[in-house]
Protein backbone atom coordinates (compact mmCIF):
# COMPACT_ATOMS: atom_id res chain seq x y z
CA MET A 1 -6.23 -98.70 -2.15
CA ALA A 2 -4.12 -96.17 -0.41
CA THR A 3 -5.73 -92.96 0.68
CA TYR A 4 -3.93 -89.79 -0.54
CA LYS A 5 -3.35 -87.21 2.14
CA LYS A 6 -2.88 -83.60 1.16
CA ARG A 7 0.48 -82.65 2.47
CA GLY A 8 1.28 -79.35 4.03
CA TYR A 9 -2.19 -78.63 5.36
CA LYS A 10 -1.40 -78.69 9.09
CA PRO A 11 1.93 -76.89 8.71
CA ALA A 12 0.10 -74.19 6.79
CA LYS A 13 -2.28 -73.75 9.74
CA LYS A 14 0.66 -73.52 12.05
CA ASN A 15 2.26 -70.86 9.84
CA GLU A 16 -0.98 -68.87 9.89
CA GLU A 17 -1.07 -69.04 13.66
CA THR A 18 2.53 -67.95 13.83
CA HIS A 19 1.90 -65.08 11.40
CA THR A 20 -1.20 -64.00 13.35
CA HIS A 21 0.76 -64.14 16.59
CA GLU A 22 3.49 -62.03 15.03
CA GLU A 23 0.91 -59.52 13.82
CA HIS A 24 -0.57 -59.26 17.30
CA SER A 25 2.90 -58.87 18.73
CA ALA A 26 3.78 -56.13 16.24
CA THR A 27 0.50 -54.33 16.87
CA ALA A 28 1.02 -54.58 20.59
CA GLU A 29 4.52 -53.21 20.20
CA VAL A 30 3.20 -50.26 18.18
CA PHE A 31 0.60 -49.49 20.83
CA ASN A 32 3.17 -49.86 23.55
CA THR A 33 5.42 -47.44 21.69
CA LEU A 34 2.52 -45.01 21.28
CA ASP A 35 1.65 -45.35 24.95
CA GLU A 36 5.23 -44.68 25.90
CA GLY A 37 5.35 -41.66 23.55
CA ALA A 38 2.07 -40.35 24.91
CA GLY A 39 3.35 -40.81 28.41
CA ARG A 40 6.50 -38.84 27.65
CA THR A 41 4.38 -36.12 25.98
CA GLU A 42 2.13 -35.92 29.03
CA GLU A 43 5.16 -35.68 31.27
CA TRP A 44 6.63 -32.91 29.09
CA VAL A 45 3.31 -31.00 29.08
CA ILE A 46 3.01 -31.32 32.86
CA SER A 47 6.59 -30.24 33.49
CA ASN A 48 6.31 -27.33 31.06
CA GLN A 49 2.70 -26.44 31.78
CA LYS A 50 3.37 -22.97 33.14
CA TYR A 51 5.46 -22.04 30.08
CA ILE A 52 2.81 -23.29 27.66
CA LEU A 53 0.07 -21.41 29.50
CA ALA A 54 2.25 -18.31 29.59
CA GLY A 55 2.79 -18.54 25.83
CA ILE A 56 -0.92 -18.92 25.17
CA GLY A 57 -1.57 -16.02 27.50
CA ILE A 58 0.86 -13.80 25.60
CA VAL A 59 -0.87 -14.57 22.30
CA VAL A 60 -4.32 -13.92 23.78
CA VAL A 61 -3.19 -10.66 25.37
CA ALA A 62 -1.60 -9.55 22.09
CA VAL A 63 -4.78 -10.27 20.10
CA LEU A 64 -7.03 -8.62 22.67
CA GLY A 65 -4.63 -5.70 22.91
CA PHE A 66 -4.70 -5.19 19.15
CA LEU A 67 -8.50 -5.36 19.03
CA GLY A 68 -8.75 -3.04 22.02
CA TYR A 69 -6.30 -0.61 20.44
CA GLN A 70 -8.31 -0.57 17.24
CA GLN A 71 -11.66 -0.11 18.99
CA PHE A 72 -10.80 2.18 21.89
CA ILE A 73 -7.78 4.14 20.66
CA GLN A 74 -7.34 4.06 16.88
CA GLN A 75 -10.98 4.43 15.88
CA PRO A 76 -11.69 7.40 18.19
CA LYS A 77 -8.40 8.92 17.04
CA GLU A 78 -9.51 8.56 13.41
CA VAL A 79 -12.85 10.22 14.17
CA GLU A 80 -11.22 13.08 16.06
CA ALA A 81 -8.64 13.60 13.30
CA SER A 82 -11.37 13.65 10.65
CA ASN A 83 -13.28 16.30 12.58
CA GLU A 84 -10.18 18.48 12.81
CA MET A 85 -9.45 17.87 9.13
CA PHE A 86 -12.89 19.16 8.22
CA PHE A 87 -12.10 22.69 9.40
CA ALA A 88 -8.61 22.78 7.87
CA GLN A 89 -9.96 21.52 4.57
CA GLN A 90 -12.61 24.26 4.53
CA TYR A 91 -9.87 26.90 4.45
CA PHE A 92 -8.06 24.95 1.74
CA ASP A 93 -11.18 24.66 -0.42
CA ALA A 94 -11.94 28.37 0.04
CA ALA A 95 -8.42 29.26 -1.08
CA VAL A 96 -8.84 27.41 -4.39
CA ASN A 97 -11.57 29.80 -5.54
CA SER A 98 -10.41 32.97 -3.77
CA THR A 99 -8.37 35.99 -4.73
CA GLU A 100 -6.75 35.88 -1.26
CA LYS A 101 -5.16 32.51 -1.79
CA ASP A 102 -2.01 32.97 0.28
CA SER A 103 -3.79 33.96 3.49
CA LEU A 104 -6.35 31.17 3.20
CA TYR A 105 -3.72 28.56 2.39
CA ASN A 106 -1.77 29.71 5.45
CA LEU A 107 -4.90 29.34 7.59
CA ALA A 108 -5.36 25.83 6.18
CA LEU A 109 -1.75 25.01 7.05
CA ASN A 110 -1.57 26.58 10.51
CA GLY A 111 -5.16 26.61 11.72
CA ALA A 112 -7.28 29.39 13.22
CA ALA A 113 -9.84 30.10 15.96
CA GLY A 114 -8.49 27.32 18.15
CA LYS A 115 -8.75 24.74 15.38
CA TYR A 116 -5.87 22.65 14.11
CA GLY A 117 -4.32 23.29 10.72
CA LEU A 118 -2.96 20.65 8.38
CA LEU A 119 0.49 20.74 10.01
CA ASP A 120 -1.04 20.21 13.48
CA ILE A 121 -3.09 17.27 12.24
CA MET A 122 0.02 15.57 10.88
CA ASP A 123 1.84 16.09 14.19
CA ASN A 124 -0.99 15.11 16.52
CA TYR A 125 -2.71 12.35 14.57
CA ALA A 126 0.17 10.55 12.89
CA GLY A 127 -0.86 7.20 11.47
CA THR A 128 -4.45 8.19 10.72
CA GLN A 129 -6.01 8.52 7.30
CA ALA A 130 -6.66 12.20 8.00
CA ALA A 131 -2.96 12.81 8.69
CA ASN A 132 -2.06 11.09 5.43
CA LEU A 133 -4.53 13.26 3.49
CA ALA A 134 -3.16 16.31 5.32
CA HIS A 135 0.21 15.59 3.70
CA TYR A 136 -1.40 15.91 0.28
CA SER A 137 -3.35 19.08 1.08
CA ALA A 138 -0.33 20.70 2.76
CA GLY A 139 1.83 19.88 -0.23
CA MET A 140 -0.69 21.45 -2.56
CA ALA A 141 -1.02 24.51 -0.32
CA TYR A 142 2.74 25.05 -0.36
CA LEU A 143 2.81 24.54 -4.14
CA ASN A 144 0.19 27.27 -4.55
CA ILE A 145 2.05 29.74 -2.33
CA GLN A 146 5.24 28.98 -4.26
CA LYS A 147 7.14 27.23 -1.50
CA TYR A 148 8.26 24.45 -3.75
CA GLN A 149 10.66 22.49 -1.57
CA GLU A 150 8.05 22.30 1.22
CA ALA A 151 5.52 21.17 -1.39
CA ILE A 152 7.82 18.35 -2.46
CA ASN A 153 8.48 17.27 1.13
CA TYR A 154 4.80 16.97 2.06
CA LEU A 155 3.62 15.47 -1.21
CA GLU A 156 6.29 12.78 -0.90
CA GLY A 157 4.86 11.97 2.55
CA PHE A 158 1.44 11.24 1.05
CA LYS A 159 0.82 7.53 0.37
CA SER A 160 -2.11 6.34 -1.70
CA ASP A 161 -2.99 3.67 -4.25
CA ASP A 162 -5.91 5.80 -5.43
CA PRO A 163 -5.55 6.20 -9.23
CA ILE A 164 -6.34 9.92 -9.18
CA LEU A 165 -4.83 11.26 -5.93
CA GLY A 166 -1.76 9.03 -6.13
CA ALA A 167 -1.00 10.21 -9.66
CA LEU A 168 -1.70 13.86 -8.83
CA ALA A 169 0.67 13.78 -5.87
CA LYS A 170 3.51 12.46 -8.02
CA GLY A 171 2.75 14.77 -10.93
CA ASN A 172 2.58 17.84 -8.70
CA ILE A 173 5.99 16.97 -7.29
CA GLY A 174 7.11 17.13 -10.92
CA ASP A 175 5.56 20.60 -11.21
CA ALA A 176 7.47 21.75 -8.12
CA PHE A 177 10.75 20.48 -9.55
CA VAL A 178 10.05 22.39 -12.78
CA GLN A 179 9.71 25.58 -10.73
CA LEU A 180 13.00 24.77 -8.99
CA ASN A 181 14.62 24.41 -12.43
CA GLN A 182 15.35 20.71 -11.91
CA PRO A 183 13.95 19.25 -15.16
CA GLU A 184 15.47 15.78 -14.76
CA ASP A 185 13.81 15.35 -11.37
CA ALA A 186 10.57 16.75 -12.76
CA MET A 187 10.63 14.26 -15.62
CA GLU A 188 11.19 11.40 -13.16
CA PHE A 189 8.02 12.29 -11.25
CA TYR A 190 5.97 12.89 -14.38
CA GLU A 191 6.95 9.37 -15.42
CA LYS A 192 5.89 8.06 -11.99
CA ALA A 193 2.54 9.83 -12.29
CA ILE A 194 1.95 8.33 -15.74
CA ALA A 195 2.92 4.87 -14.53
CA HIS A 196 0.71 5.14 -11.42
CA SER A 197 -2.51 5.09 -13.45
CA ASP A 198 -3.59 5.24 -17.09
CA ASN A 199 -6.94 6.86 -16.30
CA SER A 200 -8.13 9.46 -18.81
CA PHE A 201 -7.88 12.35 -16.33
CA THR A 202 -4.33 12.25 -14.98
CA ALA A 203 -2.47 10.24 -17.64
CA PRO A 204 -2.95 12.66 -20.58
CA LYS A 205 -2.33 15.61 -18.26
CA PHE A 206 1.11 14.36 -17.27
CA LEU A 207 1.93 12.96 -20.70
CA TYR A 208 1.38 16.49 -22.01
CA LYS A 209 3.56 18.04 -19.30
CA ALA A 210 6.27 15.43 -19.86
CA GLY A 211 6.13 16.09 -23.62
CA THR A 212 6.44 19.86 -23.32
CA LEU A 213 9.27 19.50 -20.80
CA ALA A 214 11.05 17.06 -23.14
CA MET A 215 10.78 19.65 -25.91
CA GLN A 216 12.33 22.29 -23.63
CA MET A 217 15.15 19.86 -22.89
CA GLY A 218 15.67 19.30 -26.64
CA ASP A 219 14.62 15.64 -26.43
CA LYS A 220 12.69 15.23 -29.68
CA GLU A 221 12.26 11.46 -29.44
CA SER A 222 10.77 11.54 -25.93
CA ALA A 223 8.50 14.48 -26.73
CA LEU A 224 7.06 12.66 -29.73
CA LYS A 225 6.57 9.51 -27.67
CA TYR A 226 4.50 11.36 -25.07
CA PHE A 227 2.45 13.36 -27.57
CA GLU A 228 1.72 10.40 -29.84
CA ARG A 229 0.56 8.38 -26.88
CA ILE A 230 -1.99 11.09 -26.08
CA LYS A 231 -3.20 11.00 -29.67
CA SER A 232 -3.53 7.20 -29.82
CA GLU A 233 -4.70 6.36 -26.29
CA PHE A 234 -6.64 9.43 -25.18
CA PRO A 235 -8.16 10.95 -28.35
CA GLU A 236 -11.27 12.27 -26.55
CA THR A 237 -9.44 14.31 -23.91
CA GLU A 238 -8.81 18.04 -23.78
CA GLU A 239 -5.08 17.49 -24.29
CA ALA A 240 -5.75 15.65 -27.56
CA ARG A 241 -7.56 18.61 -29.14
CA THR A 242 -4.34 20.41 -30.08
CA ILE A 243 -1.93 17.50 -29.89
CA ASP A 244 -1.22 17.53 -33.64
CA ILE A 245 0.23 21.01 -33.26
CA PHE A 246 2.62 19.80 -30.57
CA ILE A 247 3.55 16.73 -32.57
CA GLY A 248 4.42 19.03 -35.46
CA LYS A 249 6.53 21.26 -33.19
CA ALA A 250 8.35 18.25 -31.79
CA GLN A 251 9.08 16.95 -35.29
CA THR A 252 10.85 20.21 -36.21
CA LEU A 253 13.24 19.98 -33.27
CA GLU A 254 16.85 19.64 -34.36
């Protein structure tokens, strides 16, 4: 009886050996390629070493310089500016409740007794928080002594995301434009003040001013819009107490 031999067994082993050899060859080729690439990278790093180190050095110096500037220059400058601002602000605060407003506001603006005024602080400490606040106080001082264009200039230089101060700065620019008989510009800044924040202190204040100005301009529709917003959104505020009267006046406009 003939013995059956399974064909293809040895050739299959040979194929496996060939495949394994090919895999080893491919792997070796990959590693050789990586070695060659690494060698080229090392050569590039060595040949460009001084440029790389110089670049790293520039970054380090820039970071250390920034930190040093903040710690040894900017922070002391902020402290010094705040100290100077304290004296100028005292004159400003005194003027608010005084019968001699003009003289006190001028002292706040220009300084006294060897101390800086608000204008000096802006010039000497530009970039500090105190200098930014000095723009606001100077603008308000000029508004109160009826120098309206100066008030506009300084209030426009004040930058703040604060819901109260930011809105007040914009709204007071509107007040200055009213005094300059520029109602369109005034309305623009009242709108900006209203848009800046919907808090219950500044929003109804400038909605009311915008409404009364719209009435003066003969704009019935806008006046009603402002007044009705006070009534619906800010019913507990001082402005809302008599708002029905103003709504009635606006409705009678031709």
